[in-house]
Amino acid sequence: MVSACGSRSEPAVAPSKAATSATLAFANAPGGGETEAADSLIMRAQVALDRLAFSPGVIDGREGQSYKLALAAFQEARGLPSTGQLDPATQAALFHGQGTAATLLVVIPEAFARGPFVRDLPHKTADLAGYDHLGYRSMTEALAERFHTTPDTLVALNGPNTALGTGRTIRVPAIANVAPAKIEGDERGWADTLQRLGVAGDQPEAERIVVDKSQGTLRVYDKADKLIAQFPVTTGSAHDPLPIGTWKIRGTSRNPDYQYDPDLFWDANKNDKAKRLAPGPNGPVGVVWIDLSKDHYGIHGTPEPQTIGRSESHGCVRLTNWDAARLAQMVHTGTNVVFQP
């Protein structure tokens, strides 16, 4: 099933034999005070929202639009005035039962430090053929995705000369370890991917999804029609507008191969050829493709999480890899999807 984003749901190349998922846990490091950025109330709120599935997108301590939309959705779900402001009542509800730290000092485990990393990976889609895995280019990039942030934020928290490697200590947003998911016949290495993204395999079930084009949000409702999650998204463009209407999920491909078809891209080079690309978080659709009943359309991840809500897409709905992975654990074949203006 070819999408407008050029993806086809096909068996993925078998993942590399990474270390067992149990070794991907980050141990807490002793000592070390909070930095000014780590002490930020906004960053603490972003971490809390992320834990509760009201995603602010990248955790960066900035009071951007995605953060305000996440706050407003959390307030709505808790029966509070939906202002998008971190008022005292919202703070009390948001931080109830949660730790106070915005960041943690952790020790990098050997299995995570080993990668694999693809340091010479091109940025242009048409140049990605020939690689057997579209992995992270560096440990900094991998750490940023694991802790739902950006490389720039990690530099701000730790300094530009911080050494990275096995056993090294680094300050990160307080996104906790998750238990390894138990997935029968996991040929795509999805359990490993979930742990590397800090996403639990066990998630509440979605009955209905609403993608709001004007707000740039994807809202998840359960069987009782209760709002249980919200994620920032990028939806379509002038060339490939979001197809307004009601659709259904036809299936989910985790760690998918990607069929690049330049005929589906208005901005593709006329000399480009159709190519099959390997799986990986830096592939054009990230770690997951959620196929829709609208031909050529889907919901998927991205290799550039910092652009979510800030740039256009080729018609499909893009999320950060960690939000897309979480959503994939919520939906099922037949889940209703509404695209609204």
Protein backbone atom coordinates (compact mmCIF):
# COMPACT_ATOMS: atom_id res chain seq x y z
CA MET A 1 0.00 0.00 0.00
CA VAL A 2 1.92 3.00 -1.27
CA SER A 3 1.33 6.30 0.52
CA ALA A 4 1.60 9.92 -0.49
CA CYS A 5 4.67 9.89 1.74
CA GLY A 6 6.09 7.09 -0.40
CA SER A 7 5.88 4.35 2.21
CA ARG A 8 4.91 0.73 1.67
CA SER A 9 4.04 -1.69 4.46
CA GLU A 10 6.59 -4.44 3.84
CA PRO A 11 8.70 -6.74 6.01
CA ALA A 12 11.62 -4.88 7.48
CA VAL A 13 15.23 -5.93 7.19
CA ALA A 14 16.07 -7.99 10.26
CA PRO A 15 17.47 -5.76 13.01
CA SER A 16 21.08 -6.08 14.07
CA LYS A 17 21.84 -8.25 17.08
CA ALA A 18 21.92 -5.49 19.67
CA ALA A 19 22.47 -6.31 23.30
CA THR A 20 19.44 -7.58 25.18
CA SER A 21 16.92 -4.91 26.10
CA ALA A 22 17.58 -5.31 29.84
CA THR A 23 21.00 -3.69 29.37
CA LEU A 24 19.46 -0.54 27.87
CA ALA A 25 18.36 0.79 31.26
CA PHE A 26 20.09 4.03 32.37
CA ALA A 27 21.23 3.85 36.00
CA ASN A 28 20.94 6.98 38.13
CA ALA A 29 24.28 8.67 38.77
CA PRO A 30 25.11 9.96 42.25
CA GLY A 31 25.62 13.63 43.06
CA GLY A 32 25.44 16.71 40.90
CA GLY A 33 23.26 19.76 41.32
CA GLU A 34 20.53 21.03 39.06
CA THR A 35 21.51 23.55 36.41
CA GLU A 36 19.48 26.71 35.85
CA ALA A 37 17.86 25.11 32.79
CA ALA A 38 17.15 21.92 34.73
CA ASP A 39 15.47 23.90 37.51
CA SER A 40 13.08 25.50 35.01
CA LEU A 41 9.42 25.13 35.97
CA ILE A 42 8.56 24.90 32.27
CA MET A 43 10.91 21.96 31.75
CA ARG A 44 9.48 20.24 34.81
CA ALA A 45 5.99 20.74 33.40
CA GLN A 46 7.08 19.42 29.98
CA VAL A 47 8.44 16.26 31.58
CA ALA A 48 5.24 15.74 33.57
CA LEU A 49 3.06 16.30 30.51
CA ASP A 50 5.15 13.85 28.48
CA ARG A 51 4.77 11.18 31.16
CA LEU A 52 0.99 11.62 31.11
CA ALA A 53 0.75 11.38 27.28
CA PHE A 54 0.00 15.07 26.75
CA SER A 55 3.10 15.62 24.71
CA PRO A 56 4.83 19.01 24.42
CA GLY A 57 6.89 17.64 21.54
CA VAL A 58 10.59 18.10 22.28
CA ILE A 59 11.40 18.83 25.92
CA ASP A 60 13.50 21.98 25.78
CA GLY A 61 12.35 24.25 28.63
CA ARG A 62 10.78 26.72 26.21
CA GLU A 63 7.24 28.04 26.44
CA GLY A 64 6.32 27.31 22.82
CA GLN A 65 3.01 26.62 21.14
CA SER A 66 3.19 22.83 21.47
CA TYR A 67 3.77 23.19 25.22
CA LYS A 68 0.78 25.51 25.63
CA LEU A 69 -1.45 23.18 23.60
CA ALA A 70 -0.35 20.23 25.74
CA LEU A 71 -1.17 22.17 28.91
CA ALA A 72 -4.60 23.13 27.56
CA ALA A 73 -5.37 19.49 26.65
CA PHE A 74 -4.27 18.28 30.09
CA GLN A 75 -6.48 20.91 31.71
CA GLU A 76 -9.44 19.81 29.58
CA ALA A 77 -8.89 16.17 30.50
CA ARG A 78 -8.78 17.07 34.21
CA GLY A 79 -11.84 19.35 34.14
CA LEU A 80 -9.83 22.55 34.62
CA PRO A 81 -10.22 25.81 32.67
CA SER A 82 -8.41 25.16 29.38
CA THR A 83 -6.14 28.23 29.38
CA GLY A 84 -2.80 26.75 28.39
CA GLN A 85 -1.26 28.51 31.38
CA LEU A 86 0.56 26.82 34.27
CA ASP A 87 -1.60 28.29 37.03
CA PRO A 88 -1.56 26.98 40.63
CA ALA A 89 -4.50 24.59 40.12
CA THR A 90 -2.85 23.12 37.03
CA GLN A 91 0.47 22.73 38.84
CA ALA A 92 -1.25 20.87 41.66
CA ALA A 93 -2.95 18.47 39.23
CA LEU A 94 0.07 18.05 36.96
CA PHE A 95 2.69 17.38 39.62
CA HIS A 96 0.49 15.30 41.92
CA GLY A 97 2.24 12.00 42.64
CA GLN A 98 5.18 12.82 40.39
CA GLY A 99 8.81 13.50 41.27
CA THR A 100 9.99 17.07 41.52
CA ALA A 101 13.06 16.85 39.27
CA ALA A 102 13.01 18.18 35.74
CA THR A 103 16.23 16.33 34.94
CA LEU A 104 18.30 13.36 36.06
CA LEU A 105 21.97 12.49 36.09
CA VAL A 106 22.27 9.07 34.45
CA VAL A 107 25.01 6.66 33.44
CA ILE A 108 25.16 5.67 29.78
CA PRO A 109 24.90 1.85 29.46
CA GLU A 110 27.30 -0.02 27.22
CA ALA A 111 24.58 -1.43 24.95
CA PHE A 112 23.26 2.05 24.22
CA ALA A 113 26.72 3.52 23.66
CA ARG A 114 27.46 0.77 21.14
CA GLY A 115 24.79 2.02 18.77
CA PRO A 116 24.94 1.14 15.94
CA PHE A 117 25.47 4.67 14.58
CA VAL A 118 25.61 5.66 10.91
CA ARG A 119 27.81 8.73 11.00
CA ASP A 120 27.88 9.32 7.24
CA LEU A 121 24.12 8.94 6.72
CA PRO A 122 22.92 11.47 4.08
CA HIS A 123 20.06 13.86 4.80
CA LYS A 124 18.41 13.67 1.35
CA THR A 125 15.88 10.85 0.97
CA ALA A 126 17.06 10.00 -2.53
CA ASP A 127 20.60 9.36 -1.20
CA LEU A 128 19.64 6.85 1.51
CA ALA A 129 19.54 3.73 -0.68
CA GLY A 130 22.36 1.27 -0.07
CA TYR A 131 22.43 1.60 3.73
CA ASP A 132 21.28 -1.49 5.64
CA HIS A 133 20.01 0.58 8.58
CA LEU A 134 18.94 4.24 8.74
CA GLY A 135 20.13 4.67 12.31
CA TYR A 136 21.16 7.64 14.39
CA ARG A 137 24.19 9.55 13.19
CA SER A 138 25.63 10.02 16.67
CA MET A 139 25.18 9.09 20.31
CA THR A 140 24.03 12.64 21.01
CA GLU A 141 21.17 12.23 18.54
CA ALA A 142 20.25 8.84 20.03
CA LEU A 143 20.30 10.24 23.57
CA ALA A 144 18.13 13.17 22.51
CA GLU A 145 15.45 10.83 21.16
CA ARG A 146 15.67 8.51 24.18
CA PHE A 147 15.01 11.45 26.51
CA HIS A 148 12.52 13.26 24.22
CA THR A 149 14.63 16.34 23.70
CA THR A 150 17.11 17.86 21.24
CA PRO A 151 20.90 17.72 20.92
CA ASP A 152 21.00 21.47 21.62
CA THR A 153 19.16 20.98 24.91
CA LEU A 154 21.61 18.25 25.96
CA VAL A 155 24.48 20.63 25.23
CA ALA A 156 22.76 23.34 27.29
CA LEU A 157 22.34 20.95 30.22
CA ASN A 158 25.85 19.47 30.10
CA GLY A 159 28.18 21.82 28.25
CA PRO A 160 29.64 21.45 24.75
CA ASN A 161 32.69 19.46 25.85
CA THR A 162 30.89 16.72 27.77
CA ALA A 163 32.39 13.33 26.99
CA LEU A 164 29.94 10.63 25.92
CA GLY A 165 30.51 6.91 26.11
CA THR A 166 30.00 3.78 28.16
CA GLY A 167 29.82 4.59 31.86
CA ARG A 168 29.83 8.34 31.33
CA THR A 169 27.43 10.54 33.29
CA ILE A 170 25.06 12.92 31.52
CA ARG A 171 22.16 15.15 32.62
CA VAL A 172 18.93 14.47 30.74
CA PRO A 173 15.21 15.27 31.03
CA ALA A 174 13.66 12.95 33.62
CA ILE A 175 12.15 10.41 31.22
CA ALA A 176 12.30 7.17 33.16
CA ASN A 177 13.36 3.71 32.03
CA VAL A 178 10.57 1.46 30.75
CA ALA A 179 10.19 -2.26 31.18
CA PRO A 180 11.10 -4.27 28.07
CA ALA A 181 7.96 -5.02 26.07
CA LYS A 182 7.11 -8.67 25.52
CA ILE A 183 6.29 -9.09 21.83
CA GLU A 184 5.86 -12.55 20.35
CA GLY A 185 7.74 -13.10 17.10
CA ASP A 186 9.35 -9.66 17.23
CA GLU A 187 11.20 -9.89 13.92
CA ARG A 188 11.32 -6.11 13.50
CA GLY A 189 13.01 -5.47 16.83
CA TRP A 190 10.12 -3.32 18.06
CA ALA A 191 10.69 -4.05 21.77
CA ASP A 192 14.25 -2.78 21.40
CA THR A 193 13.00 0.34 19.58
CA LEU A 194 10.48 1.11 22.32
CA GLN A 195 13.15 0.92 25.00
CA ARG A 196 15.54 3.10 23.00
CA LEU A 197 12.75 5.69 22.79
CA GLY A 198 11.71 5.45 26.45
CA VAL A 199 8.19 4.32 25.48
CA ALA A 200 6.31 1.66 27.44
CA GLY A 201 4.72 -1.12 25.43
CA ASP A 202 1.62 -1.12 27.63
CA GLN A 203 -0.61 1.84 26.65
CA PRO A 204 -4.34 2.57 26.98
CA GLU A 205 -6.46 1.60 23.97
CA ALA A 206 -7.63 4.27 21.56
CA GLU A 207 -11.16 4.18 20.20
CA ARG A 208 -11.01 7.43 18.22
CA ILE A 209 -8.33 9.82 16.96
CA VAL A 210 -8.92 13.42 15.93
CA VAL A 211 -6.30 15.32 13.95
CA ASP A 212 -6.90 19.07 14.05
CA LYS A 213 -5.21 20.84 11.16
CA SER A 214 -5.55 24.39 12.51
CA GLN A 215 -4.11 23.53 15.92
CA GLY A 216 -1.57 20.99 14.74
CA THR A 217 -2.63 18.34 17.27
CA LEU A 218 -3.59 14.68 17.33
CA ARG A 219 -6.03 13.86 20.15
CA VAL A 220 -6.73 10.33 21.39
CA TYR A 221 -10.05 9.28 22.95
CA ASP A 222 -10.93 6.00 24.68
CA LYS A 223 -14.15 3.96 24.51
CA ALA A 224 -15.80 6.28 27.04
CA ASP A 225 -14.92 9.21 24.72
CA LYS A 226 -12.48 10.53 27.32
CA LEU A 227 -9.45 12.48 26.13
CA ILE A 228 -6.46 10.34 27.14
CA ALA A 229 -3.60 11.74 25.06
CA GLN A 230 -2.54 14.55 22.75
CA PHE A 231 0.48 14.83 20.49
CA PRO A 232 1.74 17.74 18.35
CA VAL A 233 1.75 16.95 14.62
CA THR A 234 2.65 18.36 11.26
CA THR A 235 -0.15 17.94 8.70
CA GLY A 236 0.07 18.42 4.95
CA SER A 237 0.92 21.49 2.91
CA ALA A 238 -0.48 23.64 0.13
CA HIS A 239 0.72 21.01 -2.37
CA ASP A 240 -0.48 18.00 -0.32
CA PRO A 241 -3.38 19.16 1.89
CA LEU A 242 -4.66 17.07 4.76
CA PRO A 243 -7.64 15.03 3.44
CA ILE A 244 -10.47 16.30 5.64
CA GLY A 245 -12.88 13.50 6.56
CA THR A 246 -13.27 10.32 8.58
CA TRP A 247 -11.02 7.31 7.97
CA LYS A 248 -9.98 4.10 9.68
CA ILE A 249 -6.65 2.54 10.53
CA ARG A 250 -5.91 -0.39 8.23
CA GLY A 251 -2.77 -1.58 9.97
CA THR A 252 0.53 -0.62 11.57
CA SER A 253 4.03 -1.35 10.27
CA ARG A 254 6.70 -1.05 12.95
CA ASN A 255 10.28 -0.36 11.89
CA PRO A 256 9.12 -0.44 8.26
CA ASP A 257 11.03 -0.50 5.03
CA TYR A 258 10.33 2.59 2.94
CA GLN A 259 9.56 2.60 -0.76
CA TYR A 260 10.69 5.96 -2.12
CA ASP A 261 8.66 6.85 -5.20
CA PRO A 262 9.63 10.26 -6.62
CA ASP A 263 6.39 10.36 -8.64
CA LEU A 264 4.53 10.95 -5.35
CA PHE A 265 6.61 14.00 -4.41
CA TRP A 266 5.98 17.34 -6.08
CA ASP A 267 9.44 18.58 -5.05
CA ALA A 268 11.44 15.47 -6.06
CA ASN A 269 14.32 15.75 -8.50
CA LYS A 270 13.12 14.71 -11.95
CA ASN A 271 16.14 12.40 -12.24
CA ASP A 272 15.39 10.49 -9.03
CA LYS A 273 14.55 6.79 -9.30
CA ALA A 274 12.25 4.67 -7.16
CA LYS A 275 14.23 3.06 -4.36
CA ARG A 276 13.65 0.75 -1.44
CA LEU A 277 15.14 2.10 1.81
CA ALA A 278 16.05 0.19 4.94
CA PRO A 279 14.31 0.70 8.32
CA GLY A 280 15.57 3.03 11.01
CA PRO A 281 14.70 6.10 13.09
CA ASN A 282 16.31 8.37 10.49
CA GLY A 283 14.22 6.99 7.66
CA PRO A 284 11.65 9.27 6.02
CA VAL A 285 8.78 7.90 8.16
CA GLY A 286 10.82 7.26 11.30
CA VAL A 287 10.12 4.15 13.34
CA VAL A 288 6.47 3.46 12.46
CA TRP A 289 3.86 3.79 9.71
CA ILE A 290 0.14 3.72 10.66
CA ASP A 291 -1.77 3.04 7.46
CA LEU A 292 -5.14 4.73 6.79
CA SER A 293 -8.15 3.76 4.70
CA LYS A 294 -7.48 6.88 2.61
CA ASP A 295 -5.14 5.54 -0.08
CA HIS A 296 -1.56 6.87 0.10
CA TYR A 297 -2.00 8.46 3.54
CA GLY A 298 -0.71 7.51 6.96
CA ILE A 299 0.46 8.66 10.38
CA HIS A 300 4.16 8.22 11.06
CA GLY A 301 7.36 9.30 12.80
CA THR A 302 10.09 11.62 11.59
CA PRO A 303 13.89 11.91 11.57
CA GLU A 304 13.57 15.59 12.57
CA PRO A 305 11.52 15.87 15.79
CA GLN A 306 12.35 19.55 16.28
CA THR A 307 10.34 20.40 13.13
CA ILE A 308 7.03 18.96 14.34
CA GLY A 309 4.43 21.71 14.35
CA ARG A 310 6.83 24.05 12.58
CA SER A 311 7.14 22.76 9.00
CA GLU A 312 5.02 21.20 6.26
CA SER A 313 4.72 17.55 5.28
CA HIS A 314 3.88 15.72 2.07
CA GLY A 315 0.25 15.28 3.05
CA CYS A 316 0.67 12.74 5.84
CA VAL A 317 0.56 13.28 9.61
CA ARG A 318 4.01 13.35 11.26
CA LEU A 319 4.89 13.02 14.95
CA THR A 320 8.15 12.72 16.85
CA ASN A 321 9.39 9.13 16.83
CA TRP A 322 8.62 8.68 20.52
CA ASP A 323 5.08 10.04 20.17
CA ALA A 324 4.48 7.96 17.04
CA ALA A 325 5.70 4.83 18.86
CA ARG A 326 3.38 5.54 21.78
CA LEU A 327 0.45 6.10 19.47
CA ALA A 328 1.22 2.84 17.67
CA GLN A 329 0.79 1.01 20.98
CA MET A 330 -2.62 2.66 21.49
CA VAL A 331 -4.31 2.05 18.14
CA HIS A 332 -5.55 -1.06 16.40
CA THR A 333 -6.97 -2.03 13.03
CA GLY A 334 -10.34 -0.29 12.74
CA THR A 335 -9.59 2.67 15.03
CA ASN A 336 -11.51 5.69 13.73
CA VAL A 337 -9.45 8.67 12.55
CA VAL A 338 -11.02 12.08 11.96
CA PHE A 339 -9.18 14.80 10.02
CA GLN A 340 -10.73 18.19 10.69
CA PRO A 341 -9.84 21.71 9.49
